[in-house]
Protein backbone atom coordinates (compact mmCIF):
# COMPACT_ATOMS: atom_id res chain seq x y z
CA MET A 1 -44.62 -47.81 -48.85
CA LEU A 2 -41.66 -50.56 -47.96
CA VAL A 3 -39.18 -50.63 -50.80
CA VAL A 4 -36.28 -53.51 -50.77
CA ILE A 5 -33.17 -53.34 -52.70
CA THR A 6 -31.10 -56.35 -53.01
CA ASN A 7 -28.53 -57.93 -55.50
CA ILE A 8 -30.44 -61.02 -57.31
CA PRO A 9 -33.86 -63.26 -57.29
CA THR A 10 -33.14 -66.14 -55.22
CA PRO A 11 -35.79 -69.09 -54.07
CA TYR A 12 -35.87 -68.37 -50.77
CA ARG A 13 -36.00 -64.56 -50.72
CA THR A 14 -38.67 -65.11 -54.11
CA ALA A 15 -40.70 -67.44 -51.43
CA PHE A 16 -40.37 -64.72 -48.62
CA PHE A 17 -40.90 -61.45 -50.69
CA ASN A 18 -43.70 -63.19 -51.85
CA ALA A 19 -45.00 -63.65 -48.70
CA VAL A 20 -44.34 -60.01 -47.99
CA ALA A 21 -46.55 -58.72 -50.34
CA GLU A 22 -49.40 -60.80 -49.48
CA GLU A 23 -49.13 -59.49 -46.11
CA SER A 24 -48.62 -56.08 -46.74
CA SER A 25 -51.83 -56.11 -49.66
CA ARG A 26 -53.76 -57.51 -46.73
CA ARG A 27 -52.53 -54.30 -44.10
CA ALA A 28 -52.81 -51.85 -47.14
CA ILE A 29 -49.00 -51.28 -47.21
CA GLY A 30 -47.32 -50.38 -50.43
CA PHE A 31 -44.08 -52.91 -51.35
CA LYS A 32 -42.14 -53.21 -54.15
CA VAL A 33 -38.23 -54.81 -54.80
CA LEU A 34 -35.72 -53.47 -56.95
CA TYR A 35 -33.01 -56.10 -57.93
CA CYS A 36 -29.63 -55.42 -58.96
CA ALA A 37 -29.14 -57.97 -61.59
CA LYS A 38 -30.70 -61.52 -62.49
CA THR A 39 -28.19 -63.29 -61.86
CA GLU A 40 -24.51 -63.44 -60.61
CA PRO A 41 -21.43 -65.54 -61.52
CA GLY A 42 -21.40 -68.93 -59.85
CA ARG A 43 -24.81 -68.79 -58.24
CA HIS A 44 -26.99 -71.52 -59.74
CA TRP A 45 -30.64 -70.29 -59.45
CA PRO A 46 -32.72 -69.57 -62.96
CA TYR A 47 -34.28 -66.04 -63.02
CA GLU A 48 -37.93 -67.27 -62.73
CA PRO A 49 -40.39 -64.33 -62.77
CA GLU A 50 -43.09 -66.35 -63.28
CA LYS A 51 -42.60 -67.27 -59.75
CA MET A 52 -42.18 -63.90 -58.13
CA LEU A 53 -45.46 -62.72 -57.18
CA HIS A 54 -44.09 -59.55 -55.76
CA ALA A 55 -43.77 -56.28 -57.83
CA HIS A 56 -40.56 -56.07 -58.98
CA GLU A 57 -37.96 -54.41 -61.33
CA ILE A 58 -34.68 -55.38 -62.45
CA LEU A 59 -32.24 -52.37 -62.62
CA ARG A 60 -30.57 -51.36 -65.49
CA GLY A 61 -26.60 -51.28 -64.42
CA PHE A 62 -23.05 -52.82 -64.70
CA HIS A 63 -22.04 -55.51 -62.81
CA PRO A 64 -18.24 -55.95 -62.91
CA SER A 65 -16.14 -58.69 -61.40
CA LEU A 66 -12.80 -58.68 -59.91
CA THR A 67 -10.93 -61.34 -58.14
CA GLY A 68 -14.01 -63.48 -57.32
CA ILE A 69 -16.10 -60.16 -56.27
CA HIS A 70 -19.12 -59.17 -57.92
CA ALA A 71 -20.14 -55.91 -57.80
CA HIS A 72 -23.54 -53.79 -58.90
CA LEU A 73 -23.64 -50.59 -59.91
CA ASN A 74 -26.93 -49.36 -60.69
CA PRO A 75 -27.10 -45.57 -61.41
CA GLY A 76 -30.87 -45.65 -62.02
CA VAL A 77 -31.36 -46.67 -58.49
CA LEU A 78 -31.84 -43.17 -56.67
CA ALA A 79 -34.44 -42.50 -59.41
CA GLU A 80 -36.37 -45.39 -58.69
CA ILE A 81 -36.53 -44.69 -55.23
CA HIS A 82 -37.84 -41.22 -55.78
CA ARG A 83 -40.36 -42.68 -58.07
CA PHE A 84 -41.83 -44.94 -55.78
CA LYS A 85 -41.36 -42.58 -52.87
CA PRO A 86 -41.07 -45.15 -49.61
CA ASP A 87 -41.52 -44.27 -46.22
CA THR A 88 -39.01 -47.04 -45.60
CA LEU A 89 -35.94 -48.43 -47.83
CA LEU A 90 -34.57 -52.06 -46.67
CA VAL A 91 -31.10 -52.23 -48.37
CA ALA A 92 -30.05 -55.60 -48.42
CA GLY A 93 -26.50 -57.18 -50.10
CA SER A 94 -22.96 -55.95 -49.17
CA TRP A 95 -22.48 -52.76 -47.20
CA ASN A 96 -20.00 -52.13 -49.94
CA THR A 97 -21.54 -52.68 -53.08
CA PRO A 98 -22.22 -49.58 -55.32
CA THR A 99 -25.67 -49.89 -55.89
CA MET A 100 -26.49 -50.46 -52.10
CA LEU A 101 -23.76 -47.47 -51.14
CA LEU A 102 -25.90 -44.85 -53.74
CA ALA A 103 -28.99 -46.15 -51.96
CA GLY A 104 -27.56 -46.51 -48.34
CA LEU A 105 -25.82 -42.98 -47.91
CA ASN A 106 -28.93 -40.88 -48.99
CA VAL A 107 -26.92 -38.34 -51.08
CA LEU A 108 -30.13 -36.70 -52.27
CA SER A 109 -31.64 -36.49 -48.70
CA LEU A 110 -34.51 -39.28 -49.52
CA PRO A 111 -37.01 -38.77 -47.00
CA CYS A 112 -37.38 -42.11 -45.55
CA ARG A 113 -36.15 -44.29 -42.90
CA ARG A 114 -33.21 -46.26 -44.29
CA ILE A 115 -32.38 -49.53 -42.81
CA PHE A 116 -29.87 -52.00 -43.84
CA TRP A 117 -30.21 -55.52 -43.89
CA SER A 118 -26.95 -56.82 -42.48
CA GLU A 119 -25.97 -60.63 -41.94
CA GLY A 120 -22.25 -59.45 -40.80
CA HIS A 121 -20.83 -60.46 -37.62
CA ALA A 122 -17.55 -60.26 -35.99
CA ASP A 123 -16.28 -64.13 -36.54
CA ALA A 124 -17.33 -63.08 -40.06
CA ALA A 125 -15.73 -60.03 -40.94
CA LEU A 126 -12.92 -59.83 -43.45
CA HIS A 127 -11.30 -56.83 -42.42
CA GLN A 128 -11.47 -56.14 -38.64
CA ALA A 129 -9.02 -53.03 -38.51
CA GLY A 130 -7.54 -50.64 -41.20
CA PRO A 131 -9.04 -48.07 -43.80
CA ILE A 132 -12.01 -50.86 -44.82
CA ALA A 133 -12.88 -51.21 -41.50
CA TRP A 134 -12.93 -47.52 -40.89
CA LEU A 135 -15.15 -47.08 -44.07
CA ARG A 136 -17.69 -49.78 -42.98
CA ARG A 137 -18.03 -47.65 -39.87
CA ARG A 138 -18.89 -44.59 -41.77
CA VAL A 139 -21.43 -46.71 -43.68
CA TYR A 140 -23.06 -48.35 -40.90
CA ARG A 141 -23.71 -44.99 -39.14
CA ARG A 142 -25.58 -43.45 -42.22
CA TYR A 143 -28.28 -45.69 -41.77
CA ASP A 144 -31.25 -45.41 -39.33
CA GLY A 145 -31.57 -48.71 -38.17
CA PHE A 146 -30.65 -52.72 -39.06
CA ALA A 147 -32.72 -55.77 -40.06
CA VAL A 148 -30.52 -58.44 -38.50
CA PRO A 149 -31.03 -62.49 -38.59
CA ASN A 150 -29.51 -63.20 -35.33
CA ALA A 151 -28.13 -62.07 -31.79
CA ARG A 152 -24.35 -61.87 -32.96
CA SER A 153 -25.56 -59.51 -36.40
CA GLY A 154 -27.19 -57.22 -34.65
CA GLU A 155 -24.23 -56.72 -31.70
CA TRP A 156 -21.87 -56.47 -35.01
CA ALA A 157 -24.35 -54.15 -36.43
CA LEU A 158 -24.32 -51.78 -33.34
CA ALA A 159 -20.94 -52.17 -32.57
CA GLN A 160 -20.18 -51.03 -36.25
CA ALA A 161 -22.50 -47.97 -35.65
CA GLY A 162 -20.96 -46.78 -32.57
CA GLU A 163 -24.62 -45.59 -31.21
CA PRO A 164 -28.04 -47.31 -30.42
CA LYS A 165 -30.14 -47.63 -33.55
CA PRO A 166 -33.55 -49.75 -33.99
CA ILE A 167 -32.67 -53.63 -34.53
CA ILE A 168 -35.36 -55.17 -36.58
CA HIS A 169 -35.13 -59.37 -36.10
CA LEU A 170 -35.11 -60.81 -39.80
CA PRO A 171 -34.15 -64.20 -40.18
CA ASN A 172 -33.51 -65.77 -43.13
CA ALA A 173 -36.98 -67.25 -44.55
CA ILE A 174 -38.05 -70.36 -46.37
CA ASN A 175 -40.65 -72.31 -47.75
CA VAL A 176 -41.02 -75.02 -45.44
CA ALA A 177 -43.17 -77.21 -47.16
CA PRO A 178 -41.30 -78.43 -49.78
CA PHE A 179 -38.86 -79.68 -47.68
CA ILE A 180 -40.83 -82.10 -45.16
CA ARG A 181 -39.87 -85.36 -45.83
CA PRO A 182 -43.27 -86.54 -47.93
CA SER A 183 -43.32 -90.35 -45.82
CA ALA A 184 -41.00 -92.86 -44.39
CA GLU A 185 -40.54 -94.68 -47.38
CA ALA A 186 -38.98 -91.21 -48.85
CA LYS A 187 -35.82 -91.77 -47.32
CA ALA A 188 -35.17 -95.68 -48.78
CA ALA A 189 -36.11 -94.25 -51.88
CA ALA A 190 -33.79 -90.96 -51.70
CA ARG A 191 -31.34 -93.43 -51.20
CA GLN A 192 -32.06 -95.75 -53.71
CA ARG A 193 -31.77 -92.71 -55.71
CA PHE A 194 -28.29 -92.36 -54.97
CA GLY A 195 -27.01 -95.60 -54.69
CA LEU A 196 -26.54 -95.40 -51.05
CA PRO A 197 -26.96 -98.15 -48.17
CA LEU A 198 -30.42 -98.36 -46.91
CA THR A 199 -28.70 -99.26 -43.47
CA GLY A 200 -26.20 -96.90 -41.59
CA ARG A 201 -25.91 -93.49 -40.59
CA VAL A 202 -25.89 -90.95 -43.48
CA LEU A 203 -24.28 -87.52 -42.54
CA VAL A 204 -24.78 -84.78 -45.40
CA GLN A 205 -23.08 -81.25 -45.66
CA VAL A 206 -24.95 -79.22 -48.52
CA SER A 207 -22.48 -76.44 -49.23
CA ALA A 208 -19.84 -74.70 -51.58
CA LEU A 209 -16.79 -76.89 -51.70
CA THR A 210 -14.21 -74.26 -50.51
CA ALA A 211 -11.93 -73.60 -47.63
CA ARG A 212 -14.13 -71.72 -46.09
CA LYS A 213 -16.59 -74.45 -45.68
CA GLY A 214 -14.22 -76.92 -44.36
CA VAL A 215 -14.68 -79.71 -46.34
CA LEU A 216 -11.34 -80.95 -46.36
CA PRO A 217 -11.04 -80.93 -42.52
CA LEU A 218 -14.20 -82.78 -41.87
CA ALA A 219 -13.35 -85.03 -44.52
CA ARG A 220 -10.39 -86.35 -43.18
CA ALA A 221 -11.85 -86.18 -39.54
CA PHE A 222 -14.88 -88.54 -40.81
CA LEU A 223 -12.13 -90.66 -42.61
CA ALA A 224 -9.92 -90.91 -39.10
CA LEU A 225 -12.62 -92.04 -36.92
CA PRO A 226 -12.05 -95.61 -35.12
CA PRO A 227 -13.45 -98.17 -37.34
CA GLU A 228 -16.50 -99.09 -34.52
CA VAL A 229 -17.57 -95.36 -34.79
CA ARG A 230 -18.02 -94.91 -38.43
CA SER A 231 -18.74 -98.52 -39.32
CA GLY A 232 -21.68 -98.15 -42.12
CA ALA A 233 -21.35 -94.66 -41.96
CA THR A 234 -21.43 -92.31 -45.10
CA LEU A 235 -20.51 -88.52 -45.69
CA LEU A 236 -22.22 -87.04 -48.51
CA CYS A 237 -20.88 -83.63 -49.89
CA VAL A 238 -23.59 -81.51 -51.91
CA GLY A 239 -22.18 -78.75 -53.91
CA ASP A 240 -19.07 -77.49 -56.13
CA GLY A 241 -15.92 -75.53 -55.82
CA ASP A 242 -12.34 -75.31 -55.87
CA GLN A 243 -11.46 -77.94 -53.59
CA ARG A 244 -13.64 -80.74 -54.93
CA PRO A 245 -10.97 -82.42 -57.07
CA GLU A 246 -9.18 -82.94 -53.74
CA LEU A 247 -12.07 -83.89 -51.54
CA ALA A 248 -12.60 -86.49 -54.83
CA VAL A 249 -9.30 -87.96 -53.98
CA ALA A 250 -10.22 -88.30 -50.60
CA ALA A 251 -13.72 -90.03 -51.47
CA ALA A 252 -11.86 -92.19 -54.10
CA ALA A 253 -9.86 -93.78 -51.09
CA SER A 254 -12.59 -94.14 -48.49
CA GLY A 255 -14.14 -97.32 -49.72
CA GLY A 256 -17.52 -95.64 -50.93
CA SER A 257 -18.09 -94.05 -46.84
CA ILE A 258 -17.34 -90.60 -48.40
CA ARG A 259 -19.60 -89.36 -51.71
CA VAL A 260 -19.47 -86.22 -53.51
CA LEU A 261 -22.63 -85.62 -55.15
CA GLY A 262 -21.49 -82.47 -56.68
CA GLN A 263 -24.33 -79.34 -57.93
CA LEU A 264 -27.43 -80.22 -57.84
CA ALA A 265 -30.80 -78.82 -58.58
CA PRO A 266 -33.22 -77.61 -55.74
CA ASP A 267 -35.14 -81.07 -56.13
CA GLU A 268 -31.86 -83.02 -55.80
CA VAL A 269 -31.03 -81.54 -52.82
CA ARG A 270 -34.11 -82.33 -50.89
CA GLU A 271 -33.53 -85.77 -51.78
CA ALA A 272 -30.21 -85.60 -50.72
CA LEU A 273 -31.44 -84.29 -47.05
CA TRP A 274 -34.36 -86.95 -47.01
CA ALA A 275 -31.79 -89.63 -47.34
CA ALA A 276 -29.40 -88.27 -44.26
CA ASP A 277 -29.69 -89.21 -40.71
CA ALA A 278 -28.41 -85.60 -39.70
CA PHE A 279 -26.81 -82.35 -41.57
CA ILE A 280 -23.71 -81.11 -40.98
CA LEU A 281 -22.07 -77.70 -41.84
CA ASN A 282 -18.06 -77.34 -40.96
CA THR A 283 -17.79 -73.68 -41.95
CA LEU A 284 -14.93 -71.42 -40.73
CA GLN A 285 -16.96 -68.30 -41.37
CA ASP A 286 -20.47 -68.02 -42.37
CA PRO A 287 -22.79 -64.88 -41.41
CA ASN A 288 -25.94 -66.66 -41.72
CA PRO A 289 -26.13 -70.20 -43.57
CA LEU A 290 -29.35 -71.03 -44.99
CA ALA A 291 -28.86 -74.56 -45.71
CA PRO A 292 -29.11 -75.69 -42.14
CA ILE A 293 -32.34 -74.21 -41.80
CA GLU A 294 -33.55 -76.55 -44.85
CA ALA A 295 -32.48 -79.20 -43.35
CA ALA A 296 -34.49 -78.19 -39.93
CA ALA A 297 -37.24 -78.05 -42.50
CA ALA A 298 -36.63 -81.78 -43.38
CA GLY A 299 -36.79 -83.15 -39.84
CA LEU A 300 -32.53 -83.19 -39.76
CA PRO A 301 -30.74 -82.98 -36.63
CA ILE A 302 -28.11 -80.24 -37.04
CA VAL A 303 -24.22 -80.82 -36.55
CA LEU A 304 -23.25 -76.68 -36.96
CA SER A 305 -20.15 -75.12 -36.49
CA ARG A 306 -19.80 -72.63 -33.86
CA LYS A 307 -18.57 -70.08 -36.37
CA ALA A 308 -22.15 -69.96 -38.12
CA GLY A 309 -23.50 -66.87 -37.10
CA ASN A 310 -27.28 -68.40 -36.42
CA VAL A 311 -25.95 -71.31 -34.17
CA THR A 312 -27.76 -70.18 -31.25
CA GLU A 313 -31.04 -69.74 -32.45
CA LEU A 314 -30.93 -72.67 -34.49
CA VAL A 315 -29.32 -75.44 -32.52
CA GLU A 316 -28.12 -74.60 -29.07
CA ARG A 317 -31.03 -72.65 -27.36
CA PRO A 318 -33.66 -75.32 -29.02
CA GLY A 319 -31.68 -78.70 -28.87
CA THR A 320 -31.77 -79.70 -32.43
CA GLY A 321 -28.40 -81.24 -32.68
CA PHE A 322 -24.56 -80.50 -31.97
CA ILE A 323 -22.41 -77.60 -31.88
CA LEU A 324 -18.89 -78.02 -33.49
CA ASP A 325 -16.71 -76.13 -31.61
CA ASP A 326 -13.47 -76.09 -34.09
CA PRO A 327 -14.16 -76.75 -37.44
CA ALA A 328 -10.28 -77.58 -37.75
CA ASP A 329 -10.84 -80.33 -35.88
CA PRO A 330 -14.54 -81.68 -36.24
CA ALA A 331 -14.23 -85.64 -34.99
CA GLU A 332 -15.83 -84.76 -31.62
CA ALA A 333 -18.76 -83.56 -32.89
CA LEU A 334 -18.83 -86.57 -35.47
CA ARG A 335 -18.19 -88.80 -32.93
CA LYS A 336 -21.35 -87.63 -30.80
CA VAL A 337 -23.18 -87.54 -34.25
CA LEU A 338 -22.52 -91.31 -35.02
CA THR A 339 -22.62 -93.05 -31.69
CA VAL A 340 -25.97 -91.03 -29.98
CA PRO A 341 -29.09 -93.15 -29.88
CA ALA A 342 -31.08 -93.11 -32.64
CA GLU A 343 -34.13 -92.15 -30.92
CA GLN A 344 -32.46 -88.79 -29.56
CA LEU A 345 -31.54 -88.21 -33.07
CA VAL A 346 -35.24 -88.15 -34.16
CA GLU A 347 -36.09 -86.30 -31.54
CA MET A 348 -33.73 -83.54 -32.50
CA GLY A 349 -35.20 -84.21 -35.94
CA ARG A 350 -38.70 -83.54 -34.75
CA ARG A 351 -37.34 -80.38 -32.55
CA ALA A 352 -35.60 -79.22 -35.39
CA ALA A 353 -38.39 -79.27 -37.73
CA GLU A 354 -40.70 -77.71 -35.53
CA LEU A 355 -38.36 -74.63 -35.29
CA ALA A 356 -38.75 -74.38 -39.15
CA ARG A 357 -42.13 -74.27 -38.82
CA THR A 358 -42.32 -71.63 -36.19
CA GLN A 359 -39.25 -69.47 -36.62
CA PHE A 360 -38.46 -69.65 -40.11
CA ALA A 361 -41.76 -70.14 -42.19
CA ALA A 362 -41.92 -66.91 -45.15
CA PRO A 363 -45.33 -66.25 -43.51
CA ALA A 364 -44.55 -65.90 -40.70
CA ILE A 365 -41.28 -63.82 -40.63
CA ALA A 366 -43.30 -61.59 -43.52
CA ARG A 367 -46.04 -61.00 -40.93
CA SER A 368 -43.17 -60.32 -38.22
CA LEU A 369 -41.00 -57.71 -40.30
CA LEU A 370 -44.20 -55.58 -41.01
CA ARG A 371 -45.59 -55.66 -37.69
CA GLN A 372 -42.19 -54.51 -36.48
CA LEU A 373 -41.89 -51.81 -39.14
CA TYR A 374 -45.31 -51.15 -39.13
CA PRO A 375 -46.69 -51.48 -35.38
């Protein structure tokens, strides 16, 4: 039996776990997900159990928040693990979350494989040295293997473990179908929906509006482009965060070329993607961002920061867009995406959509996961 422990239900994880449940049923493998809580502060997804077609439980527990960090302590997690007696325990979430520490450190000598689902990589680690880094290495060494979304995360996990251990390839999975632009007319309709010009290139960044996501350097670089490069172009910013007021000031001075749409519902996010000609993420630190995968499913070329953990798999190797080398100065990547011929953008978008369909669709990744765990 496979048991997963993770923090909260999210739409993308629900789609993936539903697919795992279907595939595990077909292969007569037990499957259960234990969630630490229904939601967390700042997470905008409702708890919708009717859409969760996989066996799951919400564990009782305590959920303290301190300086923006949200922890989970579910003392009953070990009893639940013993009740289900899994042969494989997949622990997802921050390595230092109390519940994940309880489950992963095997304090009761649970007789099963313990695999840590780790999205971290070297550029995303907040503590490269010192006591926290030392503790992190000690925790990683207690696991029997790691499930990782990309090569950089695999290298990081093995470096923390200090020895070779099994690596399970487990990219972020999405339900691809809802993101596919339903028709050529949908682009114009989406632009009308958001009050955008029907002509001219539209770039969209979907992210938290925070320093970590590089939204202000992106806006400033966009406004500083030569007029002949930026002519007719629009930059959409979808999301919310502490830099939204400052970004709104830049947007107000932009003559309408920067639009801050704020936090949108999932169906509205899809419409924002359909309105765009390309997706951009100017992140300074991101283990494995999901938004560019969703944009790829929408058929958009991807402009992705080299600081994103999945940049090689998502952009560089398949040729689906442009790599943004320096988030502090994204001007060159902006210039490329705004001046490349339209037919080249279309071809990049076609490759991105194919990549999403074949490499990031929930059913395909569910089958791959179970093949790796139960060959």
